[in-house]
Amino acid sequence: MYFVYTKGSVSMKNGLLNFLLCFLMVSFLSAQQTSNDVVSEEQIHLPTGRHVIADLEECELCHYTDDIEETLRKAAQQASATVLNITIEKFSPVMVNGQMVQGMTGTVILSESHIAFHTWPENGFVACDIFTCGTNALPEKGLEVLLDYFKPKATNIRILGRGMAAKSESITH
């Protein structure tokens, strides 16, 4: 499956699906062009990014609080990412250390991809996932905000290179 793009025209190869893909690509490329020149390879965004996956153990705070949305916005800001939407869902209350608390799950849809988390207050555990596309966003900086919020005593953090990125690493504290 492929297309040929030269100075505003498209050659179709292999049927209707390719035509639709070509149409979408030409629409995208045309919107990106500022002149009649062919779009260079440097002007096309490469599929690359970093995916931070963090297991937070023995968290001081891992139940619903009113400031979680503000914390998620701050995490996105520190990651140099743009928030499109935030959804937070609370679970049924459970008794933890003599207090009724609610676990939660949440997602932040970013222009660059997402931030997601899920808490288990009865176990003091939080699973976090931050994926950012491109080379400008810094998911590790967003994780720092979440670490400050949840205050884990132990962490297992994996940083995966995605797409064109080449390097992955694992950090355990």
N, C-alpha and C. Protein backbone atom coordinates (compact mmCIF):
# COMPACT_ATOMS: atom_id res chain seq x y z
N MET A 1 0.84 -1.16 0.00
CA MET A 1 0.00 0.00 0.00
C MET A 1 0.90 1.23 0.00
N TYR A 2 0.68 2.15 -0.96
CA TYR A 2 1.49 3.35 -1.00
C TYR A 2 0.81 4.41 -1.84
N PHE A 3 1.34 5.62 -1.78
CA PHE A 3 0.83 6.69 -2.61
C PHE A 3 2.01 7.47 -3.14
N VAL A 4 1.74 8.19 -4.20
CA VAL A 4 2.75 9.06 -4.78
C VAL A 4 2.20 10.48 -4.71
N TYR A 5 2.96 11.39 -4.13
CA TYR A 5 2.53 12.77 -4.00
C TYR A 5 3.55 13.66 -4.68
N THR A 6 3.11 14.39 -5.69
CA THR A 6 4.02 15.33 -6.35
C THR A 6 3.26 16.59 -6.69
N LYS A 7 3.70 17.70 -6.14
CA LYS A 7 3.17 19.03 -6.42
C LYS A 7 1.64 19.06 -6.52
N GLY A 8 0.98 18.54 -5.48
CA GLY A 8 -0.47 18.67 -5.40
C GLY A 8 -1.27 17.58 -6.08
N SER A 9 -0.64 16.60 -6.70
CA SER A 9 -1.40 15.51 -7.31
C SER A 9 -1.07 14.19 -6.66
N VAL A 10 -2.00 13.26 -6.75
CA VAL A 10 -1.83 11.95 -6.14
C VAL A 10 -2.04 10.88 -7.19
N SER A 11 -1.18 9.88 -7.20
CA SER A 11 -1.40 8.69 -8.02
C SER A 11 -1.89 7.58 -7.12
N MET A 12 -3.03 6.97 -7.46
CA MET A 12 -3.58 5.90 -6.65
C MET A 12 -2.92 4.58 -7.01
N LYS A 13 -2.74 3.75 -5.99
CA LYS A 13 -2.24 2.40 -6.18
C LYS A 13 -3.08 1.49 -5.29
N ASN A 14 -3.57 0.39 -5.83
CA ASN A 14 -4.24 -0.67 -5.06
C ASN A 14 -5.59 -0.29 -4.45
N GLY A 15 -6.50 0.30 -5.20
CA GLY A 15 -7.89 0.36 -4.81
C GLY A 15 -8.38 1.52 -3.95
N LEU A 16 -9.63 1.35 -3.51
CA LEU A 16 -10.36 2.38 -2.80
C LEU A 16 -9.72 2.75 -1.46
N LEU A 17 -9.26 1.76 -0.70
CA LEU A 17 -8.64 2.06 0.59
C LEU A 17 -7.45 2.98 0.41
N ASN A 18 -6.63 2.67 -0.56
CA ASN A 18 -5.46 3.52 -0.81
C ASN A 18 -5.88 4.91 -1.27
N PHE A 19 -6.94 4.97 -2.07
CA PHE A 19 -7.43 6.28 -2.49
C PHE A 19 -7.81 7.13 -1.28
N LEU A 20 -8.55 6.51 -0.34
CA LEU A 20 -8.96 7.25 0.85
C LEU A 20 -7.74 7.67 1.67
N LEU A 21 -6.78 6.77 1.82
CA LEU A 21 -5.57 7.12 2.55
C LEU A 21 -4.82 8.25 1.84
N CYS A 22 -4.74 8.17 0.52
CA CYS A 22 -4.08 9.23 -0.25
C CYS A 22 -4.80 10.56 -0.07
N PHE A 23 -6.13 10.52 -0.14
CA PHE A 23 -6.91 11.73 0.01
C PHE A 23 -6.64 12.37 1.37
N LEU A 24 -6.65 11.56 2.43
CA LEU A 24 -6.38 12.09 3.77
C LEU A 24 -4.96 12.64 3.86
N MET A 25 -3.99 11.94 3.31
CA MET A 25 -2.60 12.39 3.37
C MET A 25 -2.41 13.68 2.59
N VAL A 26 -3.00 13.76 1.41
CA VAL A 26 -2.88 14.98 0.61
C VAL A 26 -3.54 16.15 1.33
N SER A 27 -4.69 15.90 1.96
CA SER A 27 -5.36 16.96 2.72
C SER A 27 -4.46 17.45 3.84
N PHE A 28 -3.83 16.51 4.54
CA PHE A 28 -2.91 16.87 5.61
C PHE A 28 -1.71 17.63 5.07
N LEU A 29 -1.09 17.10 4.05
CA LEU A 29 0.10 17.73 3.50
C LEU A 29 -0.22 19.10 2.91
N SER A 30 -1.36 19.21 2.27
CA SER A 30 -1.74 20.50 1.69
C SER A 30 -1.92 21.54 2.78
N ALA A 31 -2.50 21.14 3.90
CA ALA A 31 -2.67 22.08 5.01
C ALA A 31 -1.34 22.50 5.60
N GLN A 32 -0.32 21.64 5.49
CA GLN A 32 1.00 21.92 6.04
C GLN A 32 1.86 22.76 5.10
N GLN A 33 1.52 22.79 3.82
CA GLN A 33 2.35 23.50 2.84
C GLN A 33 2.16 25.00 2.90
N THR A 34 3.24 25.74 2.67
CA THR A 34 3.14 27.19 2.59
C THR A 34 3.46 27.67 1.18
N SER A 35 3.87 26.77 0.30
CA SER A 35 4.17 27.12 -1.08
C SER A 35 3.80 25.95 -1.97
N ASN A 36 4.09 26.04 -3.25
CA ASN A 36 3.79 24.96 -4.18
C ASN A 36 4.87 23.89 -4.21
N ASP A 37 5.86 23.99 -3.35
CA ASP A 37 6.94 23.00 -3.32
C ASP A 37 6.44 21.67 -2.75
N VAL A 38 7.13 20.60 -3.09
CA VAL A 38 6.85 19.28 -2.54
C VAL A 38 7.26 19.30 -1.06
N VAL A 39 6.45 18.68 -0.21
CA VAL A 39 6.75 18.62 1.21
C VAL A 39 7.99 17.76 1.40
N SER A 40 8.96 18.29 2.11
CA SER A 40 10.19 17.53 2.35
C SER A 40 10.00 16.55 3.49
N GLU A 41 10.88 15.56 3.56
CA GLU A 41 10.83 14.57 4.63
C GLU A 41 10.98 15.23 6.00
N GLU A 42 11.76 16.29 6.10
CA GLU A 42 11.97 16.98 7.36
C GLU A 42 10.70 17.65 7.88
N GLN A 43 9.76 17.99 6.97
CA GLN A 43 8.55 18.67 7.38
C GLN A 43 7.48 17.72 7.90
N ILE A 44 7.63 16.43 7.64
CA ILE A 44 6.66 15.45 8.10
C ILE A 44 7.06 14.98 9.48
N HIS A 45 6.12 15.01 10.44
CA HIS A 45 6.41 14.58 11.81
C HIS A 45 6.62 13.08 11.84
N LEU A 46 7.73 12.65 12.38
CA LEU A 46 8.03 11.24 12.48
C LEU A 46 7.31 10.63 13.68
N PRO A 47 6.91 9.37 13.58
CA PRO A 47 6.25 8.71 14.71
C PRO A 47 7.27 8.30 15.77
N THR A 48 7.43 9.14 16.76
CA THR A 48 8.39 8.87 17.82
C THR A 48 7.85 9.37 19.14
N GLY A 49 8.34 8.84 20.21
CA GLY A 49 7.90 9.30 21.51
C GLY A 49 8.47 8.45 22.63
N ARG A 50 8.09 8.82 23.86
CA ARG A 50 8.51 8.06 25.03
C ARG A 50 7.28 7.69 25.84
N HIS A 51 7.30 6.47 26.37
CA HIS A 51 6.19 5.94 27.15
C HIS A 51 6.71 5.61 28.54
N VAL A 52 6.25 6.35 29.53
CA VAL A 52 6.66 6.14 30.92
C VAL A 52 5.57 5.32 31.61
N ILE A 53 5.97 4.18 32.14
CA ILE A 53 5.06 3.30 32.87
C ILE A 53 5.60 3.20 34.29
N ALA A 54 4.77 3.55 35.27
CA ALA A 54 5.24 3.60 36.65
C ALA A 54 4.29 2.86 37.59
N ASP A 55 4.86 1.98 38.40
CA ASP A 55 4.14 1.32 39.49
C ASP A 55 4.57 2.02 40.77
N LEU A 56 3.61 2.59 41.49
CA LEU A 56 3.90 3.34 42.71
C LEU A 56 3.36 2.53 43.89
N GLU A 57 4.25 2.18 44.80
CA GLU A 57 3.88 1.31 45.92
C GLU A 57 3.94 2.05 47.25
N GLU A 58 3.11 1.60 48.19
CA GLU A 58 3.05 2.18 49.52
C GLU A 58 2.83 3.70 49.45
N CYS A 59 1.84 4.08 48.65
CA CYS A 59 1.56 5.51 48.45
C CYS A 59 0.89 6.10 49.69
N GLU A 60 1.34 7.30 50.03
CA GLU A 60 0.74 8.04 51.14
C GLU A 60 -0.67 8.49 50.78
N LEU A 61 -0.88 8.82 49.51
CA LEU A 61 -2.18 9.28 49.03
C LEU A 61 -2.51 8.56 47.74
N CYS A 62 -3.56 7.76 47.75
CA CYS A 62 -3.97 7.14 46.48
C CYS A 62 -5.48 6.96 46.43
N HIS A 63 -6.19 7.89 47.06
CA HIS A 63 -7.64 7.91 46.98
C HIS A 63 -8.09 9.27 46.41
N TYR A 64 -9.36 9.33 46.06
CA TYR A 64 -9.88 10.54 45.43
C TYR A 64 -9.77 11.75 46.36
N THR A 65 -9.28 12.85 45.78
CA THR A 65 -9.32 14.16 46.44
C THR A 65 -9.73 15.18 45.39
N ASP A 66 -10.26 16.30 45.83
CA ASP A 66 -10.76 17.31 44.90
C ASP A 66 -9.68 17.95 44.04
N ASP A 67 -8.42 17.85 44.44
CA ASP A 67 -7.36 18.51 43.68
C ASP A 67 -6.68 17.62 42.63
N ILE A 68 -7.24 16.45 42.37
CA ILE A 68 -6.59 15.55 41.40
C ILE A 68 -6.60 16.16 39.99
N GLU A 69 -7.68 16.80 39.59
CA GLU A 69 -7.71 17.38 38.23
C GLU A 69 -6.65 18.47 38.09
N GLU A 70 -6.50 19.30 39.09
CA GLU A 70 -5.47 20.34 39.07
C GLU A 70 -4.08 19.71 38.97
N THR A 71 -3.87 18.62 39.69
CA THR A 71 -2.58 17.91 39.66
C THR A 71 -2.32 17.35 38.27
N LEU A 72 -3.33 16.79 37.63
CA LEU A 72 -3.17 16.24 36.28
C LEU A 72 -2.85 17.34 35.27
N ARG A 73 -3.49 18.49 35.41
CA ARG A 73 -3.18 19.62 34.52
C ARG A 73 -1.73 20.08 34.72
N LYS A 74 -1.30 20.11 35.97
CA LYS A 74 0.08 20.50 36.27
C LYS A 74 1.06 19.47 35.68
N ALA A 75 0.74 18.18 35.78
CA ALA A 75 1.60 17.14 35.20
C ALA A 75 1.73 17.32 33.69
N ALA A 76 0.61 17.60 33.02
CA ALA A 76 0.65 17.84 31.58
C ALA A 76 1.48 19.07 31.25
N GLN A 77 1.29 20.13 32.03
CA GLN A 77 2.05 21.37 31.80
C GLN A 77 3.56 21.12 31.96
N GLN A 78 3.94 20.40 33.03
CA GLN A 78 5.36 20.12 33.26
C GLN A 78 5.93 19.22 32.17
N ALA A 79 5.08 18.40 31.56
CA ALA A 79 5.51 17.52 30.47
C ALA A 79 5.56 18.26 29.13
N SER A 80 5.23 19.55 29.14
CA SER A 80 5.15 20.37 27.92
C SER A 80 4.12 19.79 26.95
N ALA A 81 2.99 19.35 27.50
CA ALA A 81 1.92 18.75 26.71
C ALA A 81 0.66 19.60 26.82
N THR A 82 -0.23 19.42 25.86
CA THR A 82 -1.47 20.19 25.78
C THR A 82 -2.67 19.33 26.13
N VAL A 83 -3.41 19.72 27.18
CA VAL A 83 -4.59 18.98 27.63
C VAL A 83 -5.76 19.23 26.68
N LEU A 84 -6.38 18.15 26.23
CA LEU A 84 -7.60 18.25 25.44
C LEU A 84 -8.82 17.89 26.28
N ASN A 85 -8.67 16.89 27.16
CA ASN A 85 -9.81 16.45 27.96
C ASN A 85 -9.29 15.69 29.19
N ILE A 86 -10.01 15.80 30.30
CA ILE A 86 -9.69 15.04 31.51
C ILE A 86 -10.95 14.33 31.96
N THR A 87 -10.82 13.04 32.27
CA THR A 87 -11.92 12.25 32.82
C THR A 87 -11.42 11.55 34.06
N ILE A 88 -12.16 11.70 35.16
CA ILE A 88 -11.81 11.03 36.41
C ILE A 88 -13.07 10.31 36.91
N GLU A 89 -12.92 9.05 37.25
CA GLU A 89 -14.03 8.26 37.78
C GLU A 89 -13.66 7.78 39.17
N LYS A 90 -14.60 7.88 40.10
CA LYS A 90 -14.41 7.41 41.47
C LYS A 90 -15.07 6.05 41.62
N PHE A 91 -14.47 5.21 42.49
CA PHE A 91 -15.02 3.90 42.78
C PHE A 91 -15.75 3.90 44.11
N SER A 92 -16.43 2.82 44.40
CA SER A 92 -17.15 2.69 45.68
C SER A 92 -16.17 2.84 46.84
N PRO A 93 -16.63 3.48 47.90
CA PRO A 93 -15.75 3.69 49.06
C PRO A 93 -15.30 2.37 49.70
N VAL A 94 -14.06 2.39 50.20
CA VAL A 94 -13.51 1.26 50.95
C VAL A 94 -12.90 1.81 52.23
N MET A 95 -12.82 0.95 53.25
CA MET A 95 -12.24 1.36 54.53
C MET A 95 -10.73 1.16 54.48
N VAL A 96 -9.98 2.25 54.71
CA VAL A 96 -8.52 2.21 54.75
C VAL A 96 -8.08 2.99 55.98
N ASN A 97 -7.41 2.31 56.91
CA ASN A 97 -6.92 2.95 58.14
C ASN A 97 -8.03 3.70 58.88
N GLY A 98 -9.20 3.06 58.97
CA GLY A 98 -10.30 3.66 59.71
C GLY A 98 -11.02 4.79 58.99
N GLN A 99 -10.72 4.99 57.71
CA GLN A 99 -11.34 6.08 56.96
C GLN A 99 -11.94 5.52 55.66
N MET A 100 -13.13 5.98 55.32
CA MET A 100 -13.75 5.57 54.06
C MET A 100 -13.17 6.44 52.94
N VAL A 101 -12.57 5.79 51.95
CA VAL A 101 -11.96 6.52 50.82
C VAL A 101 -12.40 5.87 49.52
N GLN A 102 -12.23 6.61 48.43
CA GLN A 102 -12.61 6.11 47.12
C GLN A 102 -11.37 6.00 46.22
N GLY A 103 -11.20 4.83 45.63
CA GLY A 103 -10.18 4.70 44.60
C GLY A 103 -10.65 5.45 43.37
N MET A 104 -9.75 5.63 42.43
CA MET A 104 -10.13 6.38 41.22
C MET A 104 -9.32 5.90 40.03
N THR A 105 -9.83 6.22 38.87
CA THR A 105 -9.12 5.99 37.63
C THR A 105 -9.29 7.25 36.80
N GLY A 106 -8.29 7.57 36.02
CA GLY A 106 -8.39 8.80 35.25
C GLY A 106 -7.56 8.78 33.99
N THR A 107 -8.00 9.57 33.04
CA THR A 107 -7.24 9.75 31.81
C THR A 107 -7.20 11.23 31.46
N VAL A 108 -6.08 11.61 30.91
CA VAL A 108 -5.92 12.95 30.36
C VAL A 108 -5.58 12.74 28.89
N ILE A 109 -6.44 13.20 28.02
CA ILE A 109 -6.17 13.12 26.59
C ILE A 109 -5.35 14.36 26.23
N LEU A 110 -4.19 14.11 25.68
CA LEU A 110 -3.27 15.18 25.31
C LEU A 110 -3.19 15.29 23.79
N SER A 111 -2.84 16.46 23.30
CA SER A 111 -2.54 16.58 21.87
C SER A 111 -1.41 15.61 21.51
N GLU A 112 -0.51 15.40 22.47
CA GLU A 112 0.67 14.56 22.24
C GLU A 112 0.42 13.09 22.57
N SER A 113 -0.66 12.71 23.21
CA SER A 113 -1.11 11.36 23.49
C SER A 113 -1.92 11.29 24.77
N HIS A 114 -1.37 10.75 25.90
CA HIS A 114 -2.21 10.59 27.09
C HIS A 114 -1.43 10.46 28.39
N ILE A 115 -2.15 10.70 29.48
CA ILE A 115 -1.74 10.35 30.84
C ILE A 115 -2.89 9.50 31.39
N ALA A 116 -2.56 8.37 32.01
CA ALA A 116 -3.60 7.53 32.60
C ALA A 116 -3.11 7.02 33.95
N PHE A 117 -4.06 6.78 34.87
CA PHE A 117 -3.69 6.21 36.16
C PHE A 117 -4.87 5.45 36.74
N HIS A 118 -4.56 4.54 37.67
CA HIS A 118 -5.56 3.76 38.38
C HIS A 118 -5.04 3.54 39.79
N THR A 119 -5.91 3.72 40.80
CA THR A 119 -5.47 3.59 42.19
C THR A 119 -6.16 2.43 42.89
N TRP A 120 -5.45 1.86 43.84
CA TRP A 120 -5.97 0.84 44.75
C TRP A 120 -5.65 1.30 46.17
N PRO A 121 -6.50 2.14 46.79
CA PRO A 121 -6.18 2.68 48.11
C PRO A 121 -6.05 1.59 49.17
N GLU A 122 -6.79 0.49 49.03
CA GLU A 122 -6.70 -0.59 50.02
C GLU A 122 -5.35 -1.30 49.97
N ASN A 123 -4.60 -1.10 48.88
CA ASN A 123 -3.27 -1.69 48.74
C ASN A 123 -2.16 -0.65 48.70
N GLY A 124 -2.54 0.64 48.72
CA GLY A 124 -1.54 1.70 48.64
C GLY A 124 -0.81 1.71 47.31
N PHE A 125 -1.47 1.28 46.24
CA PHE A 125 -0.83 1.12 44.94
C PHE A 125 -1.47 2.02 43.88
N VAL A 126 -0.61 2.59 43.02
CA VAL A 126 -1.07 3.40 41.89
C VAL A 126 -0.29 2.96 40.65
N ALA A 127 -1.00 2.74 39.56
CA ALA A 127 -0.37 2.46 38.26
C ALA A 127 -0.53 3.70 37.39
N CYS A 128 0.59 4.21 36.87
CA CYS A 128 0.58 5.41 36.02
C CYS A 128 1.16 5.08 34.65
N ASP A 129 0.67 5.80 33.66
CA ASP A 129 1.08 5.59 32.29
C ASP A 129 1.08 6.96 31.60
N ILE A 130 2.23 7.38 31.10
CA ILE A 130 2.29 8.66 30.38
C ILE A 130 3.00 8.41 29.05
N PHE A 131 2.29 8.64 27.96
CA PHE A 131 2.88 8.50 26.63
C PHE A 131 2.78 9.83 25.92
N THR A 132 3.91 10.29 25.40
CA THR A 132 3.90 11.52 24.61
C THR A 132 4.58 11.27 23.28
N CYS A 133 3.97 11.76 22.24
CA CYS A 133 4.52 11.65 20.89
C CYS A 133 5.41 12.86 20.61
N GLY A 134 6.31 12.68 19.67
CA GLY A 134 7.16 13.78 19.26
C GLY A 134 8.40 13.89 20.12
N THR A 135 9.15 14.94 19.87
CA THR A 135 10.42 15.10 20.57
C THR A 135 10.41 16.27 21.55
N ASN A 136 9.33 17.03 21.62
CA ASN A 136 9.29 18.20 22.50
C ASN A 136 8.73 17.90 23.89
N ALA A 137 7.81 16.95 24.00
CA ALA A 137 7.19 16.65 25.29
C ALA A 137 8.13 15.84 26.17
N LEU A 138 7.97 16.00 27.48
CA LEU A 138 8.84 15.36 28.47
C LEU A 138 7.99 14.59 29.48
N PRO A 139 7.61 13.34 29.18
CA PRO A 139 6.73 12.61 30.09
C PRO A 139 7.33 12.39 31.47
N GLU A 140 8.65 12.31 31.56
CA GLU A 140 9.31 12.13 32.86
C GLU A 140 9.01 13.30 33.80
N LYS A 141 8.92 14.51 33.25
CA LYS A 141 8.60 15.70 34.07
C LYS A 141 7.16 15.63 34.57
N GLY A 142 6.26 15.11 33.76
CA GLY A 142 4.89 14.91 34.21
C GLY A 142 4.81 13.88 35.32
N LEU A 143 5.62 12.83 35.22
CA LEU A 143 5.63 11.81 36.27
C LEU A 143 6.11 12.40 37.59
N GLU A 144 7.07 13.30 37.55
CA GLU A 144 7.56 13.93 38.79
C GLU A 144 6.41 14.58 39.57
N VAL A 145 5.48 15.21 38.86
CA VAL A 145 4.32 15.84 39.51
C VAL A 145 3.46 14.77 40.16
N LEU A 146 3.23 13.65 39.47
CA LEU A 146 2.41 12.58 40.03
C LEU A 146 3.09 11.92 41.23
N LEU A 147 4.41 11.80 41.19
CA LEU A 147 5.14 11.24 42.33
C LEU A 147 5.00 12.15 43.55
N ASP A 148 5.07 13.46 43.34
CA ASP A 148 4.87 14.42 44.44
C ASP A 148 3.46 14.31 45.02
N TYR A 149 2.49 14.05 44.18
CA TYR A 149 1.09 13.96 44.62
C TYR A 149 0.82 12.67 45.39
N PHE A 150 1.18 11.52 44.80
CA PHE A 150 0.86 10.23 45.41
C PHE A 150 1.83 9.84 46.53
N LYS A 151 3.04 10.38 46.52
CA LYS A 151 4.06 10.14 47.55
C LYS A 151 4.33 8.65 47.82
N PRO A 152 4.81 7.92 46.80
CA PRO A 152 5.11 6.50 47.02
C PRO A 152 6.42 6.32 47.80
N LYS A 153 6.50 5.20 48.52
CA LYS A 153 7.75 4.85 49.20
C LYS A 153 8.64 4.03 48.28
N ALA A 154 8.05 3.38 47.30
CA ALA A 154 8.82 2.58 46.34
C ALA A 154 8.22 2.76 44.94
N THR A 155 9.08 2.73 43.94
CA THR A 155 8.61 2.87 42.55
C THR A 155 9.31 1.88 41.64
N ASN A 156 8.64 1.51 40.59
CA ASN A 156 9.24 0.75 39.50
C ASN A 156 8.84 1.50 38.23
N ILE A 157 9.80 2.15 37.59
CA ILE A 157 9.53 3.02 36.45
C ILE A 157 10.22 2.46 35.21
N ARG A 158 9.46 2.33 34.14
CA ARG A 158 10.01 1.90 32.86
C ARG A 158 9.78 3.01 31.84
N ILE A 159 10.81 3.34 31.10
CA ILE A 159 10.71 4.36 30.07
C ILE A 159 11.00 3.67 28.74
N LEU A 160 9.99 3.62 27.91
CA LEU A 160 10.10 2.91 26.64
C LEU A 160 10.21 3.88 25.48
N GLY A 161 11.17 3.66 24.62
CA GLY A 161 11.23 4.40 23.37
C GLY A 161 10.16 3.84 22.46
N ARG A 162 9.39 4.68 21.82
CA ARG A 162 8.31 4.23 20.92
C ARG A 162 8.57 4.75 19.52
N GLY A 163 8.11 4.03 18.54
CA GLY A 163 8.25 4.45 17.15
C GLY A 163 9.70 4.55 16.75
N MET A 164 10.09 5.73 16.30
CA MET A 164 11.44 5.95 15.81
C MET A 164 12.45 6.11 16.94
N ALA A 165 11.97 6.23 18.20
CA ALA A 165 12.88 6.37 19.34
C ALA A 165 13.60 5.04 19.55
N ALA A 166 14.84 5.11 20.00
CA ALA A 166 15.66 3.92 20.05
C ALA A 166 15.93 3.37 21.44
N LYS A 167 15.73 4.15 22.49
CA LYS A 167 16.23 3.74 23.80
C LYS A 167 15.11 3.52 24.80
N SER A 168 15.21 2.44 25.57
CA SER A 168 14.30 2.15 26.67
C SER A 168 15.14 1.92 27.91
N GLU A 169 14.55 2.20 29.08
CA GLU A 169 15.27 1.96 30.33
C GLU A 169 14.30 1.59 31.43
N SER A 170 14.84 1.01 32.51
CA SER A 170 14.04 0.62 33.67
C SER A 170 14.73 1.14 34.92
N ILE A 171 13.94 1.75 35.82
CA ILE A 171 14.47 2.35 37.04
C ILE A 171 13.65 1.83 38.21
N THR A 172 14.29 1.26 39.20
CA THR A 172 13.59 0.79 40.39
C THR A 172 14.14 1.50 41.61
N HIS A 173 13.27 2.03 42.45
CA HIS A 173 13.69 2.69 43.71
C HIS A 173 13.07 2.00 44.87
